[in-house]
Each structure stands twice: as structure tokens, then as C-alpha cells.
């Protein structure tokens, strides 16, 4: 009996060592960045800043005279997004181990306790809301709408139940430019809503392309993404449909001038042409990769260009 018990204990220790060996070595800082999804924050800061910059431009206010508002808006927005993403990590810790791209998150490996993640989420959202309130009440309200749509409507409600989860999640992703504009001007101009619509329509083709590449992972996690439920062929049709929605939106931004209108239209047409041309690969995953990479370049070029044309 003693030999059997000793063998069992040794086997358990070896199992624990093996599990620990598979956990990648990271620093506390890297774990923190993973919890708040710093990549999402960075991309959203581009759209938040663009909304703020354009509001200053079209209300004839100077950037350097409003550095306090810029600080409150960018830091506040970063914090509420960080808190929302941390909550997403907290809530999804039971399924993240089933997906290759999320299996090494600190909430999965156990490097950070769920309680601490929840505390991080609540505290950063609260602090971020306070900073946005210092910028303007309208910015704070819109920020909280974004938090609610991501945490409640997307993460807790639709993500695991409905194929429309991507559409619902697009609401929160389209809010940052509205926050930026509202920090300067609470009376949201048509330009602010145009930025919202561009971001809203951009997200489905972006995330559907990603979901195609990760379809088996989503299937294993039980997440009803469009490619999992409807297949790749239907997903492609939906992507082209959303690209068609993007086509007329530059017409809402004619106040940015003809050069921007031409550039934005070219980016939209280019995305559709790429989708048609990439079919030559006869490989849906390669097609999805090309579309996903283009979507990233599209977002950066589009919103940076909005700032540049106001400087010319």
C-alpha cells in the first residue's frame, strides 16, 4: 500500500510539473497587458483621438489649448476599455483554455486570481469614467454605454448564444470616436455619427475574417460565430454585404475634402476587389487571412488620413 501511495503521489507531482512546464514564462507586466488586451486599446485610441481631433477642428478650437481634455479623454477611454477587456477575460476563463489564441491568458493559466481580475476591471472602469466625466458628461455617458454594450450585451449575453454576437459587439467598438467627439462637443455632429457608422460597418468583415481562420477553435469553445454556424460560403457573402455598406459612408465626410473622399472610396473598392481577387487562392483560410490583414491596414489609413487632411 505504501509503495502504491508513493507512486500515486509521484505521478501527481510529475503531472503538476508537466502542466507548469507548459505555461509560458511571462512577467507581471506582460500578464497585465494580456488582461487588458492592450492591442484592442491601441487600435481604439486611434479612433478616439480622431473623433476628438475632428471635433476640435470643426469647432475652431486649438489642440494645445485643450490638452487637459485630450488627456482626460484618451486616458479615460483607455481605462474603460481596459476594464471591459479585463472583465471579458474574467467571464470567459472557463472557455478560453479551449482556444489556441486565448489558452495562455493569465486567467487560464492561474497566474492571476479571478478576484483580482474582477477588481482590476471594476477599478479601471470607475477611474476611466471619472476621467471622462472631467472631459465632459456626454463623453462619460457614451463611455458607459460602450462598457454596457461590451460587458453585458456582448460578453454576458450574445457571445455564447447567438450568431449575431459580432453585430452586437460592433456597437462597443464603434463608440470610441463618439467619446472623442463628445469630449469636445456634446452636440454630436453628423461627422461624429459617420465615424461611428464606419467603425460599426468595418467590424463584421474584420471579425468574420478572423473567425474563419479560427473556426475550429470557436467550434471547440461552443461560440456560435458565423463561420461555425453557417459555414465559410455564407460568411463570405456577409463580408461582401458589409463591405457594400461601407461604400457610401465617405459621402457623409465630404467636409474633409475631395482628396479624402477619393482615398476613402479607393480603400472601400480596394477591399471588395481584394475579396474577389483572393478567391483565386481556392483556399478559404488564405482568403480570410488576406481580408483580415487588409482590414487592419484599412482602419489605420482611414483614420490617420482624417487627421492629416485637416493639417494640409
C-alpha atoms as a PDB file:
ATOM      1  CA  UNK A   1       0.000   0.000   0.000  1.00  0.00           C
ATOM      2  CA  UNK A   2       2.777   2.413   0.883  1.00  0.00           C
ATOM      3  CA  UNK A   3       4.513   1.780  -2.447  1.00  0.00           C
ATOM      4  CA  UNK A   4       1.252   2.367  -4.317  1.00  0.00           C
ATOM      5  CA  UNK A   5       0.611   5.610  -2.448  1.00  0.00           C
ATOM      6  CA  UNK A   6       4.161   6.788  -3.045  1.00  0.00           C
ATOM      7  CA  UNK A   7       3.778   6.003  -6.751  1.00  0.00           C
ATOM      8  CA  UNK A   8       0.479   7.955  -6.951  1.00  0.00           C
ATOM      9  CA  UNK A   9       1.983  10.982  -5.220  1.00  0.00           C
ATOM     10  CA  UNK A  10       4.985  10.880  -7.527  1.00  0.00           C
ATOM     11  CA  UNK A  11       2.714  10.649 -10.567  1.00  0.00           C
ATOM     12  CA  UNK A  12       0.702  13.642  -9.321  1.00  0.00           C
ATOM     13  CA  UNK A  13       3.841  15.700  -8.787  1.00  0.00           C
ATOM     14  CA  UNK A  14       5.084  14.805 -12.272  1.00  0.00           C
ATOM     15  CA  UNK A  15       1.702  15.817 -13.730  1.00  0.00           C
ATOM     16  CA  UNK A  16       1.812  19.179 -11.958  1.00  0.00           C
ATOM     17  CA  UNK A  17       5.379  19.777 -13.125  1.00  0.00           C
ATOM     18  CA  UNK A  18       4.349  18.959 -16.696  1.00  0.00           C
ATOM     19  CA  UNK A  19       1.415  21.373 -16.521  1.00  0.00           C
ATOM     20  CA  UNK A  20       3.589  24.144 -15.107  1.00  0.00           C
ATOM     21  CA  UNK A  21       6.210  23.478 -17.763  1.00  0.00           C
ATOM     22  CA  UNK A  22       3.619  24.145 -20.473  1.00  0.00           C
ATOM     23  CA  UNK A  23       2.760  27.561 -19.032  1.00  0.00           C
ATOM     24  CA  UNK A  24       4.845  30.203 -20.835  1.00  0.00           C
ATOM     25  CA  UNK A  25       7.097  32.320 -18.693  1.00  0.00           C
ATOM     26  CA  UNK A  26       5.892  35.900 -18.536  1.00  0.00           C
ATOM     27  CA  UNK A  27       6.450  38.970 -16.426  1.00  0.00           C
ATOM     28  CA  UNK A  28       3.767  40.604 -14.285  1.00  0.00           C
ATOM     29  CA  UNK A  29       3.698  43.481 -16.780  1.00  0.00           C
ATOM     30  CA  UNK A  30       3.053  41.144 -19.725  1.00  0.00           C
ATOM     31  CA  UNK A  31       0.293  39.430 -17.765  1.00  0.00           C
ATOM     32  CA  UNK A  32      -1.268  42.818 -17.078  1.00  0.00           C
ATOM     33  CA  UNK A  33      -1.129  43.787 -20.758  1.00  0.00           C
ATOM     34  CA  UNK A  34      -2.734  40.456 -21.677  1.00  0.00           C
ATOM     35  CA  UNK A  35      -5.539  41.007 -19.171  1.00  0.00           C
ATOM     36  CA  UNK A  36      -6.442  44.443 -20.525  1.00  0.00           C
ATOM     37  CA  UNK A  37      -5.907  43.395 -24.178  1.00  0.00           C
ATOM     38  CA  UNK A  38      -3.521  46.223 -24.978  1.00  0.00           C
ATOM     39  CA  UNK A  39      -3.820  45.655 -28.733  1.00  0.00           C
ATOM     40  CA  UNK A  40      -7.528  46.494 -28.617  1.00  0.00           C
ATOM     41  CA  UNK A  41      -6.790  49.597 -26.552  1.00  0.00           C
ATOM     42  CA  UNK A  42      -4.180  50.825 -29.027  1.00  0.00           C
ATOM     43  CA  UNK A  43      -6.457  50.476 -32.045  1.00  0.00           C
ATOM     44  CA  UNK A  44      -9.338  52.171 -30.240  1.00  0.00           C
ATOM     45  CA  UNK A  45      -7.114  55.073 -29.233  1.00  0.00           C
ATOM     46  CA  UNK A  46      -6.614  55.860 -32.915  1.00  0.00           C
ATOM     47  CA  UNK A  47     -10.357  56.224 -33.474  1.00  0.00           C
ATOM     48  CA  UNK A  48     -10.916  58.063 -30.166  1.00  0.00           C
ATOM     49  CA  UNK A  49      -8.196  60.584 -30.983  1.00  0.00           C
ATOM     50  CA  UNK A  50      -9.565  61.080 -34.492  1.00  0.00           C
ATOM     51  CA  UNK A  51     -13.026  61.854 -33.128  1.00  0.00           C
ATOM     52  CA  UNK A  52     -11.541  64.328 -30.646  1.00  0.00           C
ATOM     53  CA  UNK A  53      -9.262  65.934 -33.230  1.00  0.00           C
ATOM     54  CA  UNK A  54     -12.042  66.432 -35.763  1.00  0.00           C
ATOM     55  CA  UNK A  55     -14.324  67.923 -33.098  1.00  0.00           C
ATOM     56  CA  UNK A  56     -11.621  70.449 -32.230  1.00  0.00           C
ATOM     57  CA  UNK A  57     -11.055  71.192 -35.918  1.00  0.00           C
ATOM     58  CA  UNK A  58     -14.697  71.733 -36.846  1.00  0.00           C
ATOM     59  CA  UNK A  59     -15.466  73.797 -33.734  1.00  0.00           C
ATOM     60  CA  UNK A  60     -12.417  76.018 -34.394  1.00  0.00           C
ATOM     61  CA  UNK A  61     -10.634  75.114 -31.178  1.00  0.00           C
ATOM     62  CA  UNK A  62      -6.887  74.704 -30.800  1.00  0.00           C
ATOM     63  CA  UNK A  63      -5.383  71.372 -29.822  1.00  0.00           C
ATOM     64  CA  UNK A  64      -2.746  72.784 -27.463  1.00  0.00           C
ATOM     65  CA  UNK A  65      -5.321  74.903 -25.659  1.00  0.00           C
ATOM     66  CA  UNK A  66      -7.239  71.760 -24.776  1.00  0.00           C
ATOM     67  CA  UNK A  67      -4.507  69.388 -23.623  1.00  0.00           C
ATOM     68  CA  UNK A  68      -6.395  68.711 -20.391  1.00  0.00           C
ATOM     69  CA  UNK A  69      -9.400  67.444 -22.327  1.00  0.00           C
ATOM     70  CA  UNK A  70      -7.125  65.399 -24.579  1.00  0.00           C
ATOM     71  CA  UNK A  71      -5.509  63.794 -21.519  1.00  0.00           C
ATOM     72  CA  UNK A  72      -8.789  63.039 -19.736  1.00  0.00           C
ATOM     73  CA  UNK A  73     -10.334  61.625 -22.900  1.00  0.00           C
ATOM     74  CA  UNK A  74      -7.505  59.376 -24.048  1.00  0.00           C
ATOM     75  CA  UNK A  75      -6.587  58.059 -20.610  1.00  0.00           C
ATOM     76  CA  UNK A  76     -10.211  57.734 -19.542  1.00  0.00           C
ATOM     77  CA  UNK A  77     -11.133  55.858 -22.710  1.00  0.00           C
ATOM     78  CA  UNK A  78      -8.112  53.590 -22.339  1.00  0.00           C
ATOM     79  CA  UNK A  79      -9.124  52.718 -18.794  1.00  0.00           C
ATOM     80  CA  UNK A  80     -12.757  51.874 -19.501  1.00  0.00           C
ATOM     81  CA  UNK A  81     -11.698  49.730 -22.471  1.00  0.00           C
ATOM     82  CA  UNK A  82      -9.046  48.043 -20.313  1.00  0.00           C
ATOM     83  CA  UNK A  83     -11.614  47.354 -17.610  1.00  0.00           C
ATOM     84  CA  UNK A  84     -14.119  45.962 -20.086  1.00  0.00           C
ATOM     85  CA  UNK A  85     -11.499  43.680 -21.627  1.00  0.00           C
ATOM     86  CA  UNK A  86     -10.373  42.515 -18.188  1.00  0.00           C
ATOM     87  CA  UNK A  87     -13.966  41.590 -17.391  1.00  0.00           C
ATOM     88  CA  UNK A  88     -14.177  39.685 -20.680  1.00  0.00           C
ATOM     89  CA  UNK A  89     -11.108  37.702 -19.581  1.00  0.00           C
ATOM     90  CA  UNK A  90     -12.690  37.119 -16.172  1.00  0.00           C
ATOM     91  CA  UNK A  91     -16.002  35.942 -17.616  1.00  0.00           C
ATOM     92  CA  UNK A  92     -14.537  33.743 -20.367  1.00  0.00           C
ATOM     93  CA  UNK A  93     -11.932  31.990 -18.240  1.00  0.00           C
ATOM     94  CA  UNK A  94     -13.976  28.758 -18.420  1.00  0.00           C
ATOM     95  CA  UNK A  95     -13.745  28.538 -22.229  1.00  0.00           C
ATOM     96  CA  UNK A  96     -10.520  30.379 -23.086  1.00  0.00           C
ATOM     97  CA  UNK A  97      -8.442  27.240 -22.497  1.00  0.00           C
ATOM     98  CA  UNK A  98     -10.202  25.640 -25.474  1.00  0.00           C
ATOM     99  CA  UNK A  99      -8.815  28.170 -27.945  1.00  0.00           C
ATOM    100  CA  UNK A 100      -5.198  28.367 -29.073  1.00  0.00           C
ATOM    101  CA  UNK A 101      -5.078  32.175 -29.145  1.00  0.00           C
ATOM    102  CA  UNK A 102      -6.509  32.517 -25.597  1.00  0.00           C
ATOM    103  CA  UNK A 103      -5.194  29.459 -23.759  1.00  0.00           C
ATOM    104  CA  UNK A 104      -2.186  31.325 -22.335  1.00  0.00           C
ATOM    105  CA  UNK A 105      -4.122  34.197 -20.778  1.00  0.00           C
ATOM    106  CA  UNK A 106      -3.307  34.733 -17.076  1.00  0.00           C
ATOM    107  CA  UNK A 107      -6.922  33.917 -16.188  1.00  0.00           C
ATOM    108  CA  UNK A 108      -6.484  30.494 -17.796  1.00  0.00           C
ATOM    109  CA  UNK A 109      -3.017  29.648 -16.512  1.00  0.00           C
ATOM    110  CA  UNK A 110      -3.952  30.717 -12.990  1.00  0.00           C
ATOM    111  CA  UNK A 111      -1.221  33.345 -12.737  1.00  0.00           C
ATOM    112  CA  UNK A 112      -3.803  35.902 -11.666  1.00  0.00           C
ATOM    113  CA  UNK A 113      -6.756  35.027  -9.445  1.00  0.00           C
ATOM    114  CA  UNK A 114     -10.296  35.701 -10.739  1.00  0.00           C
ATOM    115  CA  UNK A 115     -10.952  38.019  -7.796  1.00  0.00           C
ATOM    116  CA  UNK A 116      -8.042  40.249  -8.706  1.00  0.00           C
ATOM    117  CA  UNK A 117      -9.134  40.372 -12.324  1.00  0.00           C
ATOM    118  CA  UNK A 118     -12.649  41.397 -11.285  1.00  0.00           C
ATOM    119  CA  UNK A 119     -11.212  44.079  -9.009  1.00  0.00           C
ATOM    120  CA  UNK A 120      -8.981  45.332 -11.819  1.00  0.00           C
ATOM    121  CA  UNK A 121     -11.986  45.518 -14.121  1.00  0.00           C
ATOM    122  CA  UNK A 122     -14.201  47.447 -11.708  1.00  0.00           C
ATOM    123  CA  UNK A 123     -11.488  49.864 -10.587  1.00  0.00           C
ATOM    124  CA  UNK A 124     -10.268  50.760 -14.083  1.00  0.00           C
ATOM    125  CA  UNK A 125     -13.800  51.285 -15.395  1.00  0.00           C
ATOM    126  CA  UNK A 126     -14.605  53.516 -12.402  1.00  0.00           C
ATOM    127  CA  UNK A 127     -11.418  55.569 -12.761  1.00  0.00           C
ATOM    128  CA  UNK A 128     -11.844  55.832 -16.519  1.00  0.00           C
ATOM    129  CA  UNK A 129     -15.422  57.046 -16.123  1.00  0.00           C
ATOM    130  CA  UNK A 130     -14.276  59.688 -13.641  1.00  0.00           C
ATOM    131  CA  UNK A 131     -11.657  60.985 -16.083  1.00  0.00           C
ATOM    132  CA  UNK A 132     -14.179  61.064 -18.927  1.00  0.00           C
ATOM    133  CA  UNK A 133     -16.521  62.998 -16.669  1.00  0.00           C
ATOM    134  CA  UNK A 134     -13.769  65.596 -16.237  1.00  0.00           C
ATOM    135  CA  UNK A 135     -13.633  65.875 -20.026  1.00  0.00           C
ATOM    136  CA  UNK A 136     -17.423  66.163 -20.388  1.00  0.00           C
ATOM    137  CA  UNK A 137     -20.556  64.472 -19.004  1.00  0.00           C
ATOM    138  CA  UNK A 138     -21.512  63.427 -22.546  1.00  0.00           C
ATOM    139  CA  UNK A 139     -18.193  61.585 -23.004  1.00  0.00           C
ATOM    140  CA  UNK A 140     -18.713  59.735 -19.710  1.00  0.00           C
ATOM    141  CA  UNK A 141     -22.263  58.680 -20.627  1.00  0.00           C
ATOM    142  CA  UNK A 142     -21.215  57.434 -24.054  1.00  0.00           C
ATOM    143  CA  UNK A 143     -18.271  55.631 -22.472  1.00  0.00           C
ATOM    144  CA  UNK A 144     -20.608  53.804 -20.067  1.00  0.00           C
ATOM    145  CA  UNK A 145     -22.868  52.865 -22.973  1.00  0.00           C
ATOM    146  CA  UNK A 146     -19.820  51.310 -24.616  1.00  0.00           C
ATOM    147  CA  UNK A 147     -18.945  49.410 -21.437  1.00  0.00           C
ATOM    148  CA  UNK A 148     -22.516  48.120 -21.090  1.00  0.00           C
ATOM    149  CA  UNK A 149     -22.706  47.001 -24.711  1.00  0.00           C
ATOM    150  CA  UNK A 150     -19.404  45.105 -24.489  1.00  0.00           C
ATOM    151  CA  UNK A 151     -19.711  43.625 -20.997  1.00  0.00           C
ATOM    152  CA  UNK A 152     -23.441  42.878 -20.821  1.00  0.00           C
ATOM    153  CA  UNK A 153     -24.848  42.774 -24.354  1.00  0.00           C
ATOM    154  CA  UNK A 154     -21.835  41.058 -25.934  1.00  0.00           C
ATOM    155  CA  UNK A 155     -19.786  39.156 -23.347  1.00  0.00           C
ATOM    156  CA  UNK A 156     -22.536  38.024 -20.982  1.00  0.00           C
ATOM    157  CA  UNK A 157     -25.497  37.704 -23.325  1.00  0.00           C
ATOM    158  CA  UNK A 158     -24.954  37.187 -27.054  1.00  0.00           C
ATOM    159  CA  UNK A 159     -21.409  35.846 -27.431  1.00  0.00           C
ATOM    160  CA  UNK A 160     -22.276  32.285 -26.417  1.00  0.00           C
ATOM    161  CA  UNK A 161     -25.894  32.204 -27.602  1.00  0.00           C
ATOM    162  CA  UNK A 162     -26.412  33.977 -30.901  1.00  0.00           C
ATOM    163  CA  UNK A 163     -24.710  34.102 -34.277  1.00  0.00           C
ATOM    164  CA  UNK A 164     -25.436  37.834 -34.257  1.00  0.00           C
ATOM    165  CA  UNK A 165     -22.875  38.289 -31.440  1.00  0.00           C
ATOM    166  CA  UNK A 166     -20.442  40.004 -33.827  1.00  0.00           C
ATOM    167  CA  UNK A 167     -23.025  42.614 -34.795  1.00  0.00           C
ATOM    168  CA  UNK A 168     -23.854  43.300 -31.143  1.00  0.00           C
ATOM    169  CA  UNK A 169     -20.150  43.511 -30.285  1.00  0.00           C
ATOM    170  CA  UNK A 170     -19.695  46.067 -33.042  1.00  0.00           C
ATOM    171  CA  UNK A 171     -21.644  48.635 -31.027  1.00  0.00           C
ATOM    172  CA  UNK A 172     -18.935  48.948 -28.381  1.00  0.00           C
ATOM    173  CA  UNK A 173     -16.197  49.001 -30.996  1.00  0.00           C
ATOM    174  CA  UNK A 174     -17.874  51.918 -32.760  1.00  0.00           C
ATOM    175  CA  UNK A 175     -18.257  54.045 -29.618  1.00  0.00           C
ATOM    176  CA  UNK A 176     -14.651  55.391 -29.184  1.00  0.00           C
ATOM    177  CA  UNK A 177     -14.832  58.099 -31.895  1.00  0.00           C
ATOM    178  CA  UNK A 178     -18.112  59.284 -30.372  1.00  0.00           C
ATOM    179  CA  UNK A 179     -16.401  59.545 -26.984  1.00  0.00           C
ATOM    180  CA  UNK A 180     -13.633  61.611 -28.541  1.00  0.00           C
ATOM    181  CA  UNK A 181     -16.061  63.966 -30.256  1.00  0.00           C
ATOM    182  CA  UNK A 182     -18.362  64.285 -27.223  1.00  0.00           C
ATOM    183  CA  UNK A 183     -15.405  65.271 -25.015  1.00  0.00           C
ATOM    184  CA  UNK A 184     -15.173  68.462 -27.086  1.00  0.00           C
ATOM    185  CA  UNK A 185     -18.727  68.919 -28.334  1.00  0.00           C
ATOM    186  CA  UNK A 186     -21.666  67.199 -26.672  1.00  0.00           C
ATOM    187  CA  UNK A 187     -23.875  68.031 -29.651  1.00  0.00           C
ATOM    188  CA  UNK A 188     -22.716  65.173 -31.829  1.00  0.00           C
ATOM    189  CA  UNK A 189     -22.265  66.353 -35.417  1.00  0.00           C
ATOM    190  CA  UNK A 190     -23.089  64.227 -38.463  1.00  0.00           C
ATOM    191  CA  UNK A 191     -19.340  63.695 -38.858  1.00  0.00           C
ATOM    192  CA  UNK A 192     -19.220  62.022 -35.440  1.00  0.00           C
ATOM    193  CA  UNK A 193     -22.031  59.664 -36.442  1.00  0.00           C
ATOM    194  CA  UNK A 194     -20.270  58.988 -39.741  1.00  0.00           C
ATOM    195  CA  UNK A 195     -17.207  57.824 -37.785  1.00  0.00           C
ATOM    196  CA  UNK A 196     -19.482  55.616 -35.670  1.00  0.00           C
ATOM    197  CA  UNK A 197     -21.036  54.063 -38.766  1.00  0.00           C
ATOM    198  CA  UNK A 198     -17.662  53.462 -40.422  1.00  0.00           C
ATOM    199  CA  UNK A 199     -16.435  51.666 -37.318  1.00  0.00           C
ATOM    200  CA  UNK A 200     -19.675  49.733 -36.944  1.00  0.00           C
ATOM    201  CA  UNK A 201     -19.650  48.512 -40.556  1.00  0.00           C
ATOM    202  CA  UNK A 202     -15.899  47.795 -40.506  1.00  0.00           C
ATOM    203  CA  UNK A 203     -16.042  45.327 -37.642  1.00  0.00           C
ATOM    204  CA  UNK A 204     -18.146  42.469 -39.094  1.00  0.00           C
ATOM    205  CA  UNK A 205     -15.891  41.863 -42.133  1.00  0.00           C
ATOM    206  CA  UNK A 206     -12.847  42.231 -39.873  1.00  0.00           C
ATOM    207  CA  UNK A 207     -14.039  39.760 -37.239  1.00  0.00           C
ATOM    208  CA  UNK A 208     -15.699  37.368 -39.687  1.00  0.00           C
ATOM    209  CA  UNK A 209     -12.352  37.011 -41.460  1.00  0.00           C
ATOM    210  CA  UNK A 210     -10.692  36.303 -38.108  1.00  0.00           C
ATOM    211  CA  UNK A 211     -13.445  33.836 -37.199  1.00  0.00           C
ATOM    212  CA  UNK A 212     -12.908  31.946 -40.450  1.00  0.00           C
ATOM    213  CA  UNK A 213      -9.246  31.477 -39.543  1.00  0.00           C
ATOM    214  CA  UNK A 214     -10.177  30.342 -36.027  1.00  0.00           C
ATOM    215  CA  UNK A 215     -13.386  28.487 -36.865  1.00  0.00           C
ATOM    216  CA  UNK A 216     -12.363  25.178 -35.281  1.00  0.00           C
ATOM    217  CA  UNK A 217     -11.282  26.904 -32.090  1.00  0.00           C
ATOM    218  CA  UNK A 218     -14.599  28.711 -31.829  1.00  0.00           C
ATOM    219  CA  UNK A 219     -16.379  25.425 -32.519  1.00  0.00           C
ATOM    220  CA  UNK A 220     -14.469  23.712 -29.712  1.00  0.00           C
ATOM    221  CA  UNK A 221     -15.338  26.556 -27.330  1.00  0.00           C
ATOM    222  CA  UNK A 222     -19.011  26.420 -28.304  1.00  0.00           C
ATOM    223  CA  UNK A 223     -19.109  30.005 -29.560  1.00  0.00           C
ATOM    224  CA  UNK A 224     -21.661  30.388 -32.404  1.00  0.00           C
ATOM    225  CA  UNK A 225     -19.585  32.519 -34.738  1.00  0.00           C
ATOM    226  CA  UNK A 226     -20.971  32.897 -38.256  1.00  0.00           C
ATOM    227  CA  UNK A 227     -18.417  30.572 -39.962  1.00  0.00           C
ATOM    228  CA  UNK A 228     -19.142  27.874 -37.366  1.00  0.00           C
ATOM    229  CA  UNK A 229     -22.923  28.065 -37.679  1.00  0.00           C
ATOM    230  CA  UNK A 230     -23.410  28.980 -41.356  1.00  0.00           C
ATOM    231  CA  UNK A 231     -20.149  27.920 -42.997  1.00  0.00           C
ATOM    232  CA  UNK A 232     -17.490  29.769 -44.978  1.00  0.00           C
ATOM    233  CA  UNK A 233     -19.544  30.383 -48.115  1.00  0.00           C
ATOM    234  CA  UNK A 234     -22.277  32.218 -46.232  1.00  0.00           C
ATOM    235  CA  UNK A 235     -19.677  34.105 -44.188  1.00  0.00           C
ATOM    236  CA  UNK A 236     -18.078  35.398 -47.372  1.00  0.00           C
ATOM    237  CA  UNK A 237     -21.449  36.673 -48.573  1.00  0.00           C
ATOM    238  CA  UNK A 238     -21.945  38.508 -45.284  1.00  0.00           C
ATOM    239  CA  UNK A 239     -18.475  40.046 -45.543  1.00  0.00           C
ATOM    240  CA  UNK A 240     -19.203  41.391 -49.028  1.00  0.00           C
ATOM    241  CA  UNK A 241     -22.573  42.696 -47.817  1.00  0.00           C
ATOM    242  CA  UNK A 242     -20.900  44.709 -45.047  1.00  0.00           C
ATOM    243  CA  UNK A 243     -18.271  45.995 -47.477  1.00  0.00           C
ATOM    244  CA  UNK A 244     -21.161  47.245 -49.611  1.00  0.00           C
ATOM    245  CA  UNK A 245     -22.496  49.091 -46.551  1.00  0.00           C
ATOM    246  CA  UNK A 246     -19.133  50.837 -46.221  1.00  0.00           C
ATOM    247  CA  UNK A 247     -19.172  52.091 -49.828  1.00  0.00           C
ATOM    248  CA  UNK A 248     -21.433  55.157 -49.450  1.00  0.00           C
ATOM    249  CA  UNK A 249     -20.251  56.219 -45.988  1.00  0.00           C
ATOM    250  CA  UNK A 250     -17.428  58.514 -47.243  1.00  0.00           C
ATOM    251  CA  UNK A 251     -20.205  60.703 -48.682  1.00  0.00           C
ATOM    252  CA  UNK A 252     -21.041  61.662 -45.093  1.00  0.00           C
ATOM    253  CA  UNK A 253     -17.493  63.004 -44.755  1.00  0.00           C
ATOM    254  CA  UNK A 254     -17.340  65.368 -47.725  1.00  0.00           C
ATOM    255  CA  UNK A 255     -16.374  68.208 -45.360  1.00  0.00           C
ATOM    256  CA  UNK A 256     -12.960  66.539 -45.125  1.00  0.00           C
ATOM    257  CA  UNK A 257     -12.361  67.403 -48.767  1.00  0.00           C
ATOM    258  CA  UNK A 258     -12.151  65.702 -52.136  1.00  0.00           C
ATOM    259  CA  UNK A 259      -8.728  64.042 -51.587  1.00  0.00           C
ATOM    260  CA  UNK A 260     -10.058  62.205 -48.529  1.00  0.00           C
ATOM    261  CA  UNK A 261     -13.253  61.241 -50.346  1.00  0.00           C
ATOM    262  CA  UNK A 262     -11.184  59.716 -53.154  1.00  0.00           C
ATOM    263  CA  UNK A 263      -8.888  57.890 -50.715  1.00  0.00           C
ATOM    264  CA  UNK A 264     -11.738  56.510 -48.605  1.00  0.00           C
ATOM    265  CA  UNK A 265     -13.633  55.368 -51.696  1.00  0.00           C
ATOM    266  CA  UNK A 266     -10.491  53.724 -53.056  1.00  0.00           C
ATOM    267  CA  UNK A 267      -9.982  51.861 -49.772  1.00  0.00           C
ATOM    268  CA  UNK A 268     -13.559  50.586 -49.878  1.00  0.00           C
ATOM    269  CA  UNK A 269     -13.395  49.497 -53.500  1.00  0.00           C
ATOM    270  CA  UNK A 270      -9.943  48.001 -52.920  1.00  0.00           C
ATOM    271  CA  UNK A 271     -11.290  45.799 -50.122  1.00  0.00           C
ATOM    272  CA  UNK A 272     -14.022  44.430 -52.395  1.00  0.00           C
ATOM    273  CA  UNK A 273     -11.593  43.886 -55.269  1.00  0.00           C
ATOM    274  CA  UNK A 274      -9.226  42.039 -52.936  1.00  0.00           C
ATOM    275  CA  UNK A 275     -12.062  39.770 -51.835  1.00  0.00           C
ATOM    276  CA  UNK A 276     -12.873  38.919 -55.442  1.00  0.00           C
ATOM    277  CA  UNK A 277      -9.235  38.528 -56.496  1.00  0.00           C
ATOM    278  CA  UNK A 278      -8.245  36.440 -53.465  1.00  0.00           C
ATOM    279  CA  UNK A 279     -10.741  33.761 -54.482  1.00  0.00           C
ATOM    280  CA  UNK A 280      -8.049  32.583 -56.883  1.00  0.00           C
ATOM    281  CA  UNK A 281      -6.314  31.012 -53.881  1.00  0.00           C
ATOM    282  CA  UNK A 282      -9.020  28.327 -53.769  1.00  0.00           C
ATOM    283  CA  UNK A 283      -8.259  28.303 -50.054  1.00  0.00           C
ATOM    284  CA  UNK A 284     -10.746  29.892 -47.665  1.00  0.00           C
ATOM    285  CA  UNK A 285      -8.190  30.307 -44.893  1.00  0.00           C
ATOM    286  CA  UNK A 286      -5.743  32.160 -47.160  1.00  0.00           C
ATOM    287  CA  UNK A 287      -8.652  34.281 -48.383  1.00  0.00           C
ATOM    288  CA  UNK A 288      -9.624  35.121 -44.813  1.00  0.00           C
ATOM    289  CA  UNK A 289      -6.029  35.972 -43.901  1.00  0.00           C
ATOM    290  CA  UNK A 290      -5.728  38.410 -46.804  1.00  0.00           C
ATOM    291  CA  UNK A 291      -9.031  40.063 -45.890  1.00  0.00           C
ATOM    292  CA  UNK A 292      -8.079  40.294 -42.221  1.00  0.00           C
ATOM    293  CA  UNK A 293      -4.713  41.929 -42.939  1.00  0.00           C
ATOM    294  CA  UNK A 294      -6.362  44.420 -45.302  1.00  0.00           C
ATOM    295  CA  UNK A 295      -8.916  45.319 -42.630  1.00  0.00           C
ATOM    296  CA  UNK A 296      -6.149  46.319 -40.227  1.00  0.00           C
ATOM    297  CA  UNK A 297      -4.432  48.491 -42.820  1.00  0.00           C
ATOM    298  CA  UNK A 298      -7.785  49.972 -43.836  1.00  0.00           C
ATOM    299  CA  UNK A 299      -8.596  51.145 -40.316  1.00  0.00           C
ATOM    300  CA  UNK A 300      -5.203  52.741 -39.733  1.00  0.00           C
ATOM    301  CA  UNK A 301      -5.008  54.505 -43.096  1.00  0.00           C
ATOM    302  CA  UNK A 302      -8.607  55.726 -42.973  1.00  0.00           C
ATOM    303  CA  UNK A 303      -8.446  57.327 -39.537  1.00  0.00           C
ATOM    304  CA  UNK A 304      -4.919  58.696 -39.805  1.00  0.00           C
ATOM    305  CA  UNK A 305      -5.862  60.243 -43.138  1.00  0.00           C
ATOM    306  CA  UNK A 306      -8.791  62.040 -41.464  1.00  0.00           C
ATOM    307  CA  UNK A 307      -6.304  63.828 -39.223  1.00  0.00           C
ATOM    308  CA  UNK A 308      -3.762  64.546 -41.947  1.00  0.00           C
ATOM    309  CA  UNK A 309      -6.232  66.193 -44.349  1.00  0.00           C
ATOM    310  CA  UNK A 310      -7.143  68.756 -41.678  1.00  0.00           C
ATOM    311  CA  UNK A 311      -3.489  69.755 -41.419  1.00  0.00           C
ATOM    312  CA  UNK A 312      -2.988  70.412 -45.114  1.00  0.00           C
END
